[in-house]
C-alpha atoms as a PDB file:
ATOM      1  CA  UNK A   1      18.923   0.567  -9.351  1.00  0.00           C
ATOM      2  CA  UNK A   2      19.206   4.348  -9.505  1.00  0.00           C
ATOM      3  CA  UNK A   3      16.275   6.543 -10.443  1.00  0.00           C
ATOM      4  CA  UNK A   4      14.371   9.483  -8.975  1.00  0.00           C
ATOM      5  CA  UNK A   5      12.576   7.343  -6.393  1.00  0.00           C
ATOM      6  CA  UNK A   6      15.680   5.610  -5.040  1.00  0.00           C
ATOM      7  CA  UNK A   7      17.547   8.912  -4.930  1.00  0.00           C
ATOM      8  CA  UNK A   8      14.662  10.721  -3.220  1.00  0.00           C
ATOM      9  CA  UNK A   9      14.291   8.065  -0.525  1.00  0.00           C
ATOM     10  CA  UNK A  10      17.937   6.945  -0.310  1.00  0.00           C
ATOM     11  CA  UNK A  11      17.007   3.296  -0.878  1.00  0.00           C
ATOM     12  CA  UNK A  12      18.424   0.519  -3.032  1.00  0.00           C
ATOM     13  CA  UNK A  13      15.271  -0.626  -4.830  1.00  0.00           C
ATOM     14  CA  UNK A  14      12.279   1.556  -5.827  1.00  0.00           C
ATOM     15  CA  UNK A  15       9.805  -0.461  -3.794  1.00  0.00           C
ATOM     16  CA  UNK A  16       7.647   0.780  -0.924  1.00  0.00           C
ATOM     17  CA  UNK A  17       5.832  -1.508   1.470  1.00  0.00           C
ATOM     18  CA  UNK A  18       2.148  -0.667   1.810  1.00  0.00           C
ATOM     19  CA  UNK A  19       0.918   1.035   4.986  1.00  0.00           C
ATOM     20  CA  UNK A  20      -1.506  -1.693   6.054  1.00  0.00           C
ATOM     21  CA  UNK A  21      -3.128  -1.113   9.444  1.00  0.00           C
ATOM     22  CA  UNK A  22      -2.274  -3.798  12.052  1.00  0.00           C
ATOM     23  CA  UNK A  23      -0.035  -5.495   9.462  1.00  0.00           C
ATOM     24  CA  UNK A  24       2.629  -2.845   8.814  1.00  0.00           C
ATOM     25  CA  UNK A  25       4.325  -2.932  12.206  1.00  0.00           C
ATOM     26  CA  UNK A  26       7.967  -2.132  12.925  1.00  0.00           C
ATOM     27  CA  UNK A  27       8.985  -5.784  12.369  1.00  0.00           C
ATOM     28  CA  UNK A  28       7.783  -5.821   8.758  1.00  0.00           C
ATOM     29  CA  UNK A  29       8.911  -2.256   8.041  1.00  0.00           C
ATOM     30  CA  UNK A  30      12.416  -2.926   9.356  1.00  0.00           C
ATOM     31  CA  UNK A  31      12.728  -6.081   7.263  1.00  0.00           C
ATOM     32  CA  UNK A  32      11.698  -4.295   4.060  1.00  0.00           C
ATOM     33  CA  UNK A  33      14.091  -1.413   4.743  1.00  0.00           C
ATOM     34  CA  UNK A  34      16.940  -3.826   5.507  1.00  0.00           C
ATOM     35  CA  UNK A  35      16.212  -5.609   2.212  1.00  0.00           C
ATOM     36  CA  UNK A  36      16.682  -2.364   0.273  1.00  0.00           C
ATOM     37  CA  UNK A  37      13.145  -1.021   0.004  1.00  0.00           C
ATOM     38  CA  UNK A  38      11.254   1.495   2.104  1.00  0.00           C
ATOM     39  CA  UNK A  39       9.489  -0.057   5.073  1.00  0.00           C
ATOM     40  CA  UNK A  40       6.365   1.685   6.324  1.00  0.00           C
ATOM     41  CA  UNK A  41       4.792   1.670   9.798  1.00  0.00           C
ATOM     42  CA  UNK A  42       1.012   2.058   9.636  1.00  0.00           C
ATOM     43  CA  UNK A  43      -0.363   4.427  12.258  1.00  0.00           C
ATOM     44  CA  UNK A  44      -3.926   3.350  11.427  1.00  0.00           C
ATOM     45  CA  UNK A  45      -6.296   4.195  14.275  1.00  0.00           C
ATOM     46  CA  UNK A  46      -3.604   3.519  16.850  1.00  0.00           C
ATOM     47  CA  UNK A  47      -2.729   5.910  19.645  1.00  0.00           C
ATOM     48  CA  UNK A  48       0.155   8.332  19.630  1.00  0.00           C
ATOM     49  CA  UNK A  49       1.905   6.254  22.274  1.00  0.00           C
ATOM     50  CA  UNK A  50       1.645   3.178  20.061  1.00  0.00           C
ATOM     51  CA  UNK A  51       3.235   4.992  17.128  1.00  0.00           C
ATOM     52  CA  UNK A  52       6.036   6.468  19.203  1.00  0.00           C
ATOM     53  CA  UNK A  53       6.909   2.994  20.489  1.00  0.00           C
ATOM     54  CA  UNK A  54       6.861   1.606  16.934  1.00  0.00           C
ATOM     55  CA  UNK A  55       9.270   4.320  15.777  1.00  0.00           C
ATOM     56  CA  UNK A  56      11.573   3.606  18.697  1.00  0.00           C
ATOM     57  CA  UNK A  57      11.586  -0.114  17.913  1.00  0.00           C
ATOM     58  CA  UNK A  58      12.316   0.256  14.199  1.00  0.00           C
ATOM     59  CA  UNK A  59      15.269   2.529  14.950  1.00  0.00           C
ATOM     60  CA  UNK A  60      16.648  -0.200  17.184  1.00  0.00           C
ATOM     61  CA  UNK A  61      16.403  -2.736  14.345  1.00  0.00           C
ATOM     62  CA  UNK A  62      17.680  -0.720  11.376  1.00  0.00           C
ATOM     63  CA  UNK A  63      19.492   2.469  10.485  1.00  0.00           C
ATOM     64  CA  UNK A  64      17.948   2.443   6.996  1.00  0.00           C
ATOM     65  CA  UNK A  65      15.248   4.926   5.892  1.00  0.00           C
ATOM     66  CA  UNK A  66      11.645   4.122   6.804  1.00  0.00           C
ATOM     67  CA  UNK A  67       8.296   5.873   6.762  1.00  0.00           C
ATOM     68  CA  UNK A  68       4.975   6.206   8.546  1.00  0.00           C
ATOM     69  CA  UNK A  69       1.576   5.963   6.885  1.00  0.00           C
ATOM     70  CA  UNK A  70      -1.052   8.350   8.236  1.00  0.00           C
ATOM     71  CA  UNK A  71      -4.698   7.492   7.666  1.00  0.00           C
ATOM     72  CA  UNK A  72      -6.168  10.976   7.497  1.00  0.00           C
ATOM     73  CA  UNK A  73      -9.711   9.875   8.354  1.00  0.00           C
ATOM     74  CA  UNK A  74      -8.482   8.512  11.693  1.00  0.00           C
ATOM     75  CA  UNK A  75      -9.687  10.413  14.775  1.00  0.00           C
ATOM     76  CA  UNK A  76      -6.067  10.415  15.943  1.00  0.00           C
ATOM     77  CA  UNK A  77      -4.652  11.956  12.752  1.00  0.00           C
ATOM     78  CA  UNK A  78      -3.654  15.273  14.369  1.00  0.00           C
ATOM     79  CA  UNK A  79      -1.767  13.521  17.181  1.00  0.00           C
ATOM     80  CA  UNK A  80      -0.050  11.242  14.674  1.00  0.00           C
ATOM     81  CA  UNK A  81       1.098  14.225  12.615  1.00  0.00           C
ATOM     82  CA  UNK A  82       2.571  15.833  15.747  1.00  0.00           C
ATOM     83  CA  UNK A  83       4.500  12.674  16.649  1.00  0.00           C
ATOM     84  CA  UNK A  84       5.797  12.170  13.107  1.00  0.00           C
ATOM     85  CA  UNK A  85       7.116  15.741  13.183  1.00  0.00           C
ATOM     86  CA  UNK A  86       8.531  15.417  16.685  1.00  0.00           C
ATOM     87  CA  UNK A  87      10.348  12.197  15.757  1.00  0.00           C
ATOM     88  CA  UNK A  88      11.541  13.585  12.406  1.00  0.00           C
ATOM     89  CA  UNK A  89      10.382  10.484  10.557  1.00  0.00           C
ATOM     90  CA  UNK A  90      12.186  10.418   7.165  1.00  0.00           C
ATOM     91  CA  UNK A  91       9.114   9.767   4.994  1.00  0.00           C
ATOM     92  CA  UNK A  92       5.351  10.122   5.334  1.00  0.00           C
ATOM     93  CA  UNK A  93       2.781   8.416   3.142  1.00  0.00           C
ATOM     94  CA  UNK A  94      -0.875   9.333   3.528  1.00  0.00           C
ATOM     95  CA  UNK A  95      -4.196   7.751   2.672  1.00  0.00           C
ATOM     96  CA  UNK A  96      -7.949   8.244   3.038  1.00  0.00           C
ATOM     97  CA  UNK A  97      -7.896  11.994   2.569  1.00  0.00           C
ATOM     98  CA  UNK A  98      -6.062  15.094   1.388  1.00  0.00           C
ATOM     99  CA  UNK A  99      -2.848  15.876   3.315  1.00  0.00           C
ATOM    100  CA  UNK A 100      -2.505  19.348   1.804  1.00  0.00           C
ATOM    101  CA  UNK A 101      -2.714  21.250   5.089  1.00  0.00           C
ATOM    102  CA  UNK A 102       0.211  19.284   6.544  1.00  0.00           C
ATOM    103  CA  UNK A 103       2.635  19.276   3.616  1.00  0.00           C
ATOM    104  CA  UNK A 104       4.345  22.593   4.364  1.00  0.00           C
ATOM    105  CA  UNK A 105       4.925  21.566   7.979  1.00  0.00           C
ATOM    106  CA  UNK A 106       6.391  18.197   6.977  1.00  0.00           C
ATOM    107  CA  UNK A 107       8.687  19.683   4.377  1.00  0.00           C
ATOM    108  CA  UNK A 108       9.953  22.382   6.752  1.00  0.00           C
ATOM    109  CA  UNK A 109      11.314  19.528   8.888  1.00  0.00           C
ATOM    110  CA  UNK A 110      12.911  17.697   5.958  1.00  0.00           C
ATOM    111  CA  UNK A 111      10.228  14.987   5.890  1.00  0.00           C
ATOM    112  CA  UNK A 112       9.495  13.573   2.431  1.00  0.00           C
ATOM    113  CA  UNK A 113       5.768  13.537   1.623  1.00  0.00           C
ATOM    114  CA  UNK A 114       4.255  10.874  -0.641  1.00  0.00           C
ATOM    115  CA  UNK A 115       0.440  10.844  -0.668  1.00  0.00           C
ATOM    116  CA  UNK A 116      -1.637   7.964  -1.996  1.00  0.00           C
ATOM    117  CA  UNK A 117      -3.975   9.218  -4.728  1.00  0.00           C
ATOM    118  CA  UNK A 118      -6.680   7.556  -6.864  1.00  0.00           C
ATOM    119  CA  UNK A 119      -7.316  10.332  -9.425  1.00  0.00           C
ATOM    120  CA  UNK A 120      -5.522  12.741 -11.754  1.00  0.00           C
ATOM    121  CA  UNK A 121      -7.119  15.828 -10.199  1.00  0.00           C
ATOM    122  CA  UNK A 122      -5.917  15.023  -6.679  1.00  0.00           C
ATOM    123  CA  UNK A 123      -2.462  14.155  -8.018  1.00  0.00           C
ATOM    124  CA  UNK A 124      -2.155  17.555  -9.699  1.00  0.00           C
ATOM    125  CA  UNK A 125      -3.433  19.381  -6.613  1.00  0.00           C
ATOM    126  CA  UNK A 126      -0.919  17.698  -4.314  1.00  0.00           C
ATOM    127  CA  UNK A 127       1.953  18.276  -6.718  1.00  0.00           C
ATOM    128  CA  UNK A 128       1.189  22.009  -6.555  1.00  0.00           C
ATOM    129  CA  UNK A 129       1.149  21.842  -2.756  1.00  0.00           C
ATOM    130  CA  UNK A 130       4.657  20.364  -2.688  1.00  0.00           C
ATOM    131  CA  UNK A 131       4.339  16.568  -2.582  1.00  0.00           C
ATOM    132  CA  UNK A 132       7.699  14.921  -3.328  1.00  0.00           C
ATOM    133  CA  UNK A 133       6.201  11.956  -5.180  1.00  0.00           C
ATOM    134  CA  UNK A 134       2.829  10.235  -5.538  1.00  0.00           C
ATOM    135  CA  UNK A 135       1.641   6.709  -4.862  1.00  0.00           C
ATOM    136  CA  UNK A 136      -1.029   6.188  -7.496  1.00  0.00           C
ATOM    137  CA  UNK A 137      -3.242   3.307  -6.445  1.00  0.00           C
ATOM    138  CA  UNK A 138      -5.520   1.281  -8.677  1.00  0.00           C
ATOM    139  CA  UNK A 139      -8.710  -0.396  -7.546  1.00  0.00           C
ATOM    140  CA  UNK A 140      -6.991  -3.812  -7.573  1.00  0.00           C
ATOM    141  CA  UNK A 141      -5.420  -2.986  -4.208  1.00  0.00           C
ATOM    142  CA  UNK A 142      -6.611  -4.306  -0.865  1.00  0.00           C
ATOM    143  CA  UNK A 143      -8.279  -2.185   1.816  1.00  0.00           C
ATOM    144  CA  UNK A 144      -9.693   1.257   0.989  1.00  0.00           C
ATOM    145  CA  UNK A 145      -9.731   1.760  -2.770  1.00  0.00           C
ATOM    146  CA  UNK A 146     -10.706   4.080  -5.606  1.00  0.00           C
ATOM    147  CA  UNK A 147     -12.515   3.159  -8.821  1.00  0.00           C
ATOM    148  CA  UNK A 148      -9.882   3.345 -11.584  1.00  0.00           C
ATOM    149  CA  UNK A 149      -7.655   0.414 -12.458  1.00  0.00           C
ATOM    150  CA  UNK A 150      -3.871   0.529 -12.193  1.00  0.00           C
ATOM    151  CA  UNK A 151      -3.540   0.079 -15.949  1.00  0.00           C
ATOM    152  CA  UNK A 152      -5.787   3.073 -16.603  1.00  0.00           C
ATOM    153  CA  UNK A 153      -4.773   5.568 -13.912  1.00  0.00           C
ATOM    154  CA  UNK A 154      -0.964   5.252 -13.844  1.00  0.00           C
ATOM    155  CA  UNK A 155      -0.207   6.578 -17.362  1.00  0.00           C
ATOM    156  CA  UNK A 156      -2.758   9.359 -16.970  1.00  0.00           C
ATOM    157  CA  UNK A 157      -1.128  10.636 -13.786  1.00  0.00           C
ATOM    158  CA  UNK A 158       2.357  10.197 -15.265  1.00  0.00           C
ATOM    159  CA  UNK A 159       1.329  12.463 -18.145  1.00  0.00           C
ATOM    160  CA  UNK A 160      -0.258  15.011 -15.795  1.00  0.00           C
ATOM    161  CA  UNK A 161       2.531  15.580 -13.243  1.00  0.00           C
ATOM    162  CA  UNK A 162       6.294  16.073 -13.201  1.00  0.00           C
ATOM    163  CA  UNK A 163       7.115  14.444  -9.858  1.00  0.00           C
ATOM    164  CA  UNK A 164       7.823  10.678  -9.609  1.00  0.00           C
ATOM    165  CA  UNK A 165       4.881   8.288  -9.704  1.00  0.00           C
ATOM    166  CA  UNK A 166       4.871   5.072  -7.679  1.00  0.00           C
ATOM    167  CA  UNK A 167       2.378   2.471  -8.892  1.00  0.00           C
ATOM    168  CA  UNK A 168       0.200   0.490  -6.481  1.00  0.00           C
ATOM    169  CA  UNK A 169      -2.581  -2.045  -6.837  1.00  0.00           C
ATOM    170  CA  UNK A 170      -2.216  -5.557  -8.261  1.00  0.00           C
ATOM    171  CA  UNK A 171       1.599  -5.678  -8.144  1.00  0.00           C
ATOM    172  CA  UNK A 172       3.246  -8.702  -6.547  1.00  0.00           C
ATOM    173  CA  UNK A 173       5.865 -10.136  -8.892  1.00  0.00           C
ATOM    174  CA  UNK A 174       8.323  -9.259 -11.671  1.00  0.00           C
ATOM    175  CA  UNK A 175       5.613  -9.075 -14.296  1.00  0.00           C
ATOM    176  CA  UNK A 176       3.679  -6.465 -12.347  1.00  0.00           C
ATOM    177  CA  UNK A 177       6.873  -4.531 -11.688  1.00  0.00           C
ATOM    178  CA  UNK A 178       7.824  -4.356 -15.368  1.00  0.00           C
ATOM    179  CA  UNK A 179       4.251  -3.453 -16.328  1.00  0.00           C
ATOM    180  CA  UNK A 180       4.264  -0.568 -13.834  1.00  0.00           C
ATOM    181  CA  UNK A 181       7.486   0.819 -15.291  1.00  0.00           C
ATOM    182  CA  UNK A 182       6.137   0.371 -18.820  1.00  0.00           C
ATOM    183  CA  UNK A 183       3.195   2.574 -17.788  1.00  0.00           C
ATOM    184  CA  UNK A 184       5.610   5.301 -16.705  1.00  0.00           C
ATOM    185  CA  UNK A 185       5.950   4.648 -12.971  1.00  0.00           C
ATOM    186  CA  UNK A 186       9.361   4.929 -11.327  1.00  0.00           C
ATOM    187  CA  UNK A 187       8.593   2.709  -8.377  1.00  0.00           C
ATOM    188  CA  UNK A 188       5.995   0.353  -6.927  1.00  0.00           C
ATOM    189  CA  UNK A 189       4.145  -0.033  -3.668  1.00  0.00           C
ATOM    190  CA  UNK A 190       3.453  -3.618  -2.609  1.00  0.00           C
ATOM    191  CA  UNK A 191       1.074  -4.646   0.149  1.00  0.00           C
ATOM    192  CA  UNK A 192      -0.591  -8.049  -0.059  1.00  0.00           C
ATOM    193  CA  UNK A 193       2.591  -9.900  -1.067  1.00  0.00           C
ATOM    194  CA  UNK A 194       4.390  -8.595   2.024  1.00  0.00           C
ATOM    195  CA  UNK A 195       1.583  -9.828   4.281  1.00  0.00           C
ATOM    196  CA  UNK A 196       2.774 -13.317   3.391  1.00  0.00           C
ATOM    197  CA  UNK A 197       6.338 -12.714   4.538  1.00  0.00           C
ATOM    198  CA  UNK A 198       8.089 -14.383   7.438  1.00  0.00           C
ATOM    199  CA  UNK A 199       8.633 -11.020   9.135  1.00  0.00           C
ATOM    200  CA  UNK A 200       5.003  -9.883   8.994  1.00  0.00           C
ATOM    201  CA  UNK A 201       3.643 -10.076  12.556  1.00  0.00           C
ATOM    202  CA  UNK A 202       0.300 -11.377  11.309  1.00  0.00           C
ATOM    203  CA  UNK A 203      -1.756 -14.341  12.500  1.00  0.00           C
ATOM    204  CA  UNK A 204      -1.073 -17.463  10.438  1.00  0.00           C
ATOM    205  CA  UNK A 205      -4.790 -17.770   9.680  1.00  0.00           C
ATOM    206  CA  UNK A 206      -4.693 -14.427   7.882  1.00  0.00           C
ATOM    207  CA  UNK A 207      -1.676 -15.429   5.807  1.00  0.00           C
ATOM    208  CA  UNK A 208      -3.242 -18.774   4.946  1.00  0.00           C
ATOM    209  CA  UNK A 209      -6.430 -17.085   3.717  1.00  0.00           C
ATOM    210  CA  UNK A 210      -4.370 -15.109   1.217  1.00  0.00           C
ATOM    211  CA  UNK A 211      -2.374 -18.140   0.125  1.00  0.00           C
ATOM    212  CA  UNK A 212      -5.473 -20.203  -0.606  1.00  0.00           C
ATOM    213  CA  UNK A 213      -7.386 -17.328  -2.242  1.00  0.00           C
ATOM    214  CA  UNK A 214      -8.483 -17.703  -5.837  1.00  0.00           C
ATOM    215  CA  UNK A 215      -8.759 -15.103  -8.572  1.00  0.00           C
ATOM    216  CA  UNK A 216     -12.312 -14.022  -7.620  1.00  0.00           C
ATOM    217  CA  UNK A 217     -12.046 -14.131  -3.829  1.00  0.00           C
ATOM    218  CA  UNK A 218     -11.045 -10.483  -3.322  1.00  0.00           C
ATOM    219  CA  UNK A 219     -14.295  -8.514  -3.476  1.00  0.00           C
ATOM    220  CA  UNK A 220     -15.372  -4.923  -2.800  1.00  0.00           C
ATOM    221  CA  UNK A 221     -17.716  -4.013   0.042  1.00  0.00           C
ATOM    222  CA  UNK A 222     -19.230  -0.710   1.137  1.00  0.00           C
ATOM    223  CA  UNK A 223     -19.568   1.029  -2.219  1.00  0.00           C
ATOM    224  CA  UNK A 224     -22.854   2.573  -1.078  1.00  0.00           C
ATOM    225  CA  UNK A 225     -21.103   4.230   1.880  1.00  0.00           C
ATOM    226  CA  UNK A 226     -18.642   6.091  -0.332  1.00  0.00           C
ATOM    227  CA  UNK A 227     -15.721   4.252   1.295  1.00  0.00           C
ATOM    228  CA  UNK A 228     -15.315   0.984  -0.622  1.00  0.00           C
ATOM    229  CA  UNK A 229     -12.978  -1.643   0.818  1.00  0.00           C
ATOM    230  CA  UNK A 230     -11.504  -4.719  -0.894  1.00  0.00           C
ATOM    231  CA  UNK A 231     -11.482  -7.854   1.260  1.00  0.00           C
ATOM    232  CA  UNK A 232     -11.497 -11.625   0.903  1.00  0.00           C
ATOM    233  CA  UNK A 233     -14.875 -13.380   0.980  1.00  0.00           C
ATOM    234  CA  UNK A 234     -15.914 -14.800   4.357  1.00  0.00           C
ATOM    235  CA  UNK A 235     -18.863 -14.968   6.739  1.00  0.00           C
ATOM    236  CA  UNK A 236     -18.529 -11.312   7.745  1.00  0.00           C
ATOM    237  CA  UNK A 237     -18.440 -10.121   4.134  1.00  0.00           C
ATOM    238  CA  UNK A 238     -21.591 -12.105   3.292  1.00  0.00           C
ATOM    239  CA  UNK A 239     -23.441 -10.608   6.274  1.00  0.00           C
ATOM    240  CA  UNK A 240     -22.173  -7.097   5.535  1.00  0.00           C
ATOM    241  CA  UNK A 241     -23.087  -7.296   1.851  1.00  0.00           C
ATOM    242  CA  UNK A 242     -26.571  -8.620   2.642  1.00  0.00           C
ATOM    243  CA  UNK A 243     -27.275  -5.744   5.053  1.00  0.00           C
ATOM    244  CA  UNK A 244     -25.870  -3.228   2.549  1.00  0.00           C
ATOM    245  CA  UNK A 245     -28.195  -4.590  -0.129  1.00  0.00           C
ATOM    246  CA  UNK A 246     -31.359  -4.936   1.964  1.00  0.00           C
ATOM    247  CA  UNK A 247     -31.091  -2.125   4.526  1.00  0.00           C
ATOM    248  CA  UNK A 248     -28.796   0.455   2.965  1.00  0.00           C
ATOM    249  CA  UNK A 249     -25.593   2.180   4.081  1.00  0.00           C
ATOM    250  CA  UNK A 250     -27.070   3.650   7.280  1.00  0.00           C
ATOM    251  CA  UNK A 251     -27.426   0.166   8.767  1.00  0.00           C
ATOM    252  CA  UNK A 252     -23.716  -0.501   8.260  1.00  0.00           C
ATOM    253  CA  UNK A 253     -22.472   2.211  10.601  1.00  0.00           C
ATOM    254  CA  UNK A 254     -20.053   0.764  13.128  1.00  0.00           C
ATOM    255  CA  UNK A 255     -20.355  -2.757  11.753  1.00  0.00           C
ATOM    256  CA  UNK A 256     -16.770  -2.818  10.500  1.00  0.00           C
ATOM    257  CA  UNK A 257     -15.186  -1.358  13.640  1.00  0.00           C
ATOM    258  CA  UNK A 258     -12.466  -3.628  14.992  1.00  0.00           C
ATOM    259  CA  UNK A 259     -12.926  -6.240  12.283  1.00  0.00           C
ATOM    260  CA  UNK A 260      -9.462  -5.847  10.749  1.00  0.00           C
ATOM    261  CA  UNK A 261      -7.732  -6.358  14.104  1.00  0.00           C
ATOM    262  CA  UNK A 262      -9.986  -9.343  14.721  1.00  0.00           C
ATOM    263  CA  UNK A 263      -8.556 -10.999  11.598  1.00  0.00           C
ATOM    264  CA  UNK A 264      -4.933  -9.799  11.681  1.00  0.00           C
ATOM    265  CA  UNK A 265      -4.221 -10.154  15.395  1.00  0.00           C
ATOM    266  CA  UNK A 266      -6.790 -12.644  16.721  1.00  0.00           C
ATOM    267  CA  UNK A 267      -6.876 -14.832  13.628  1.00  0.00           C
ATOM    268  CA  UNK A 268     -10.670 -14.846  13.324  1.00  0.00           C
ATOM    269  CA  UNK A 269     -10.813 -14.920   9.532  1.00  0.00           C
ATOM    270  CA  UNK A 270     -14.533 -15.735   9.382  1.00  0.00           C
ATOM    271  CA  UNK A 271     -15.860 -12.830  11.443  1.00  0.00           C
ATOM    272  CA  UNK A 272     -12.982 -10.415  10.819  1.00  0.00           C
ATOM    273  CA  UNK A 273     -12.102  -8.262   7.816  1.00  0.00           C
ATOM    274  CA  UNK A 274      -9.415  -9.990   5.729  1.00  0.00           C
ATOM    275  CA  UNK A 275      -8.211  -7.084   3.624  1.00  0.00           C
ATOM    276  CA  UNK A 276      -6.237  -8.163   0.555  1.00  0.00           C
ATOM    277  CA  UNK A 277      -5.817  -7.139  -3.048  1.00  0.00           C
ATOM    278  CA  UNK A 278      -6.656  -9.019  -6.214  1.00  0.00           C
ATOM    279  CA  UNK A 279      -3.013 -10.074  -6.345  1.00  0.00           C
ATOM    280  CA  UNK A 280      -3.903 -12.567  -3.580  1.00  0.00           C
ATOM    281  CA  UNK A 281      -4.638 -15.119  -6.285  1.00  0.00           C
ATOM    282  CA  UNK A 282      -0.938 -15.058  -7.235  1.00  0.00           C
ATOM    283  CA  UNK A 283       0.454 -15.436  -3.717  1.00  0.00           C
ATOM    284  CA  UNK A 284       1.165 -19.079  -2.945  1.00  0.00           C
ATOM    285  CA  UNK A 285       3.914 -19.124  -0.321  1.00  0.00           C
ATOM    286  CA  UNK A 286       5.554 -17.339   2.603  1.00  0.00           C
ATOM    287  CA  UNK A 287       9.053 -15.945   2.099  1.00  0.00           C
ATOM    288  CA  UNK A 288      11.321 -13.396   3.728  1.00  0.00           C
ATOM    289  CA  UNK A 289      11.081  -9.777   2.616  1.00  0.00           C
ATOM    290  CA  UNK A 290      14.585 -10.061   1.205  1.00  0.00           C
ATOM    291  CA  UNK A 291      13.571 -13.036  -0.932  1.00  0.00           C
ATOM    292  CA  UNK A 292      10.406 -11.313  -2.127  1.00  0.00           C
ATOM    293  CA  UNK A 293      12.261  -8.173  -3.202  1.00  0.00           C
ATOM    294  CA  UNK A 294      15.173 -10.083  -4.757  1.00  0.00           C
ATOM    295  CA  UNK A 295      12.884 -12.327  -6.792  1.00  0.00           C
ATOM    296  CA  UNK A 296      10.794  -9.386  -7.922  1.00  0.00           C
ATOM    297  CA  UNK A 297      13.753  -7.434  -9.285  1.00  0.00           C
ATOM    298  CA  UNK A 298      15.949 -10.332 -10.411  1.00  0.00           C
ATOM    299  CA  UNK A 299      13.042 -11.783 -12.374  1.00  0.00           C
ATOM    300  CA  UNK A 300      12.615  -8.696 -14.531  1.00  0.00           C
ATOM    301  CA  UNK A 301      15.244  -9.868 -17.018  1.00  0.00           C
ATOM    302  CA  UNK A 302      13.072 -12.836 -18.055  1.00  0.00           C
ATOM    303  CA  UNK A 303      10.049 -10.576 -18.477  1.00  0.00           C
ATOM    304  CA  UNK A 304      11.999  -8.044 -20.504  1.00  0.00           C
ATOM    305  CA  UNK A 305      13.417 -10.836 -22.674  1.00  0.00           C
ATOM    306  CA  UNK A 306       9.876 -11.822 -23.642  1.00  0.00           C
ATOM    307  CA  UNK A 307       9.007  -8.206 -24.364  1.00  0.00           C
ATOM    308  CA  UNK A 308      12.079  -7.906 -26.580  1.00  0.00           C
ATOM    309  CA  UNK A 309      10.456 -10.354 -28.986  1.00  0.00           C
ATOM    310  CA  UNK A 310       8.327  -7.402 -30.058  1.00  0.00           C
ATOM    311  CA  UNK A 311      11.418  -5.593 -31.334  1.00  0.00           C
ATOM    312  CA  UNK A 312      11.307  -5.189 -35.064  1.00  0.00           C
ATOM    313  CA  UNK A 313       7.655  -6.202 -35.369  1.00  0.00           C
ATOM    314  CA  UNK A 314       6.022  -4.270 -38.165  1.00  0.00           C
ATOM    315  CA  UNK A 315       2.355  -3.436 -38.166  1.00  0.00           C
ATOM    316  CA  UNK A 316       0.833  -3.523 -41.628  1.00  0.00           C
ATOM    317  CA  UNK A 317      -1.455  -0.638 -42.423  1.00  0.00           C
END
C-alpha cells in the first residue's frame, strides 16, 4: 500500500505500533517493523541507558525503520531526547505534552516527528512548528487519554491540517482500519491488539486480562487530576476510584507510581495498572505481529464489499 504515510516512513503498511511503556520493548517493535509496519520503542520513565540498549538491540534484530516514543512528562525526557538525537533514530512519536521545542532539533538530524494529539488546536500548532504527521488519538485508547472520541476528532483534524493524520484509539481489526480511512486518516496506530501478540514481552497474566475483558471493563481513572488514564477494572482501580471520590485528587499523588510495571512485568494484575483500550473487548487470542497486520489489511476487502452495498442508494427528500 502506497500513500503519504508509507512513503514518509518507508514502510509497507500504514500502521504504527503504539508506544506503550513497559510493553513496547525492542522485541515487539522489531516484530512490527519486520511485518511491514513501524515498530516503536517506548522510553517511558526509563533511564537513558535503558533506551540506548533498546536501540542497540532492535538494530541487531531488524534493518527496517523503527521509532521511539518520548513521554514528555517524564523526568528523563531531556536525556531521552539527547539519546534519540545521538542515535539518529529514524522516527520519534511523542505523548503527554507539547514537543514543539524539540522539533527543529529533530528535523535538523533527519528524524521524522509524529506527535500524538487529542485536539484540533494542538494539531494545528504542531503542524506550524514542522511536525511531519500527526497521531490523532481518541478517548477509546488505553493509557493516558483525551476527551474526544476517535469518530469525532479524526475528521476535524483532517479538515484542519495538510499533513498526514494517523488515527488511534479503538482500532484493532479491519473494520476499525476501514473506518479510520473513511474518516480521512492515512494510517492507524494500534496498541492494545499488539499487547496480545506472541512477540510482546509481557506477562501472560496481563495478556489474559485483555483477552477475557468485556465491553465495559476498560474504564477511566484520574479525571479529577487532569491526567485521565484508561485501564481495566481490578482491585487497584476500585481502591483508586474510591479515594478519588472520597478524598479528592490530592490523596492520589504517588499512588499510581510503579503500578504499570507491576502488571506488565510482575504479572500482578490485581494490584497493578492494566492499561488497555476499549478495543480489549474485541481481542480474543494471541497471534504474531505478522498475522495481526496481515489479517487487518487482508480483511479490508470484505468490509469494503459490505460498504459497496450503499452504492446507488438514493435518499428521498
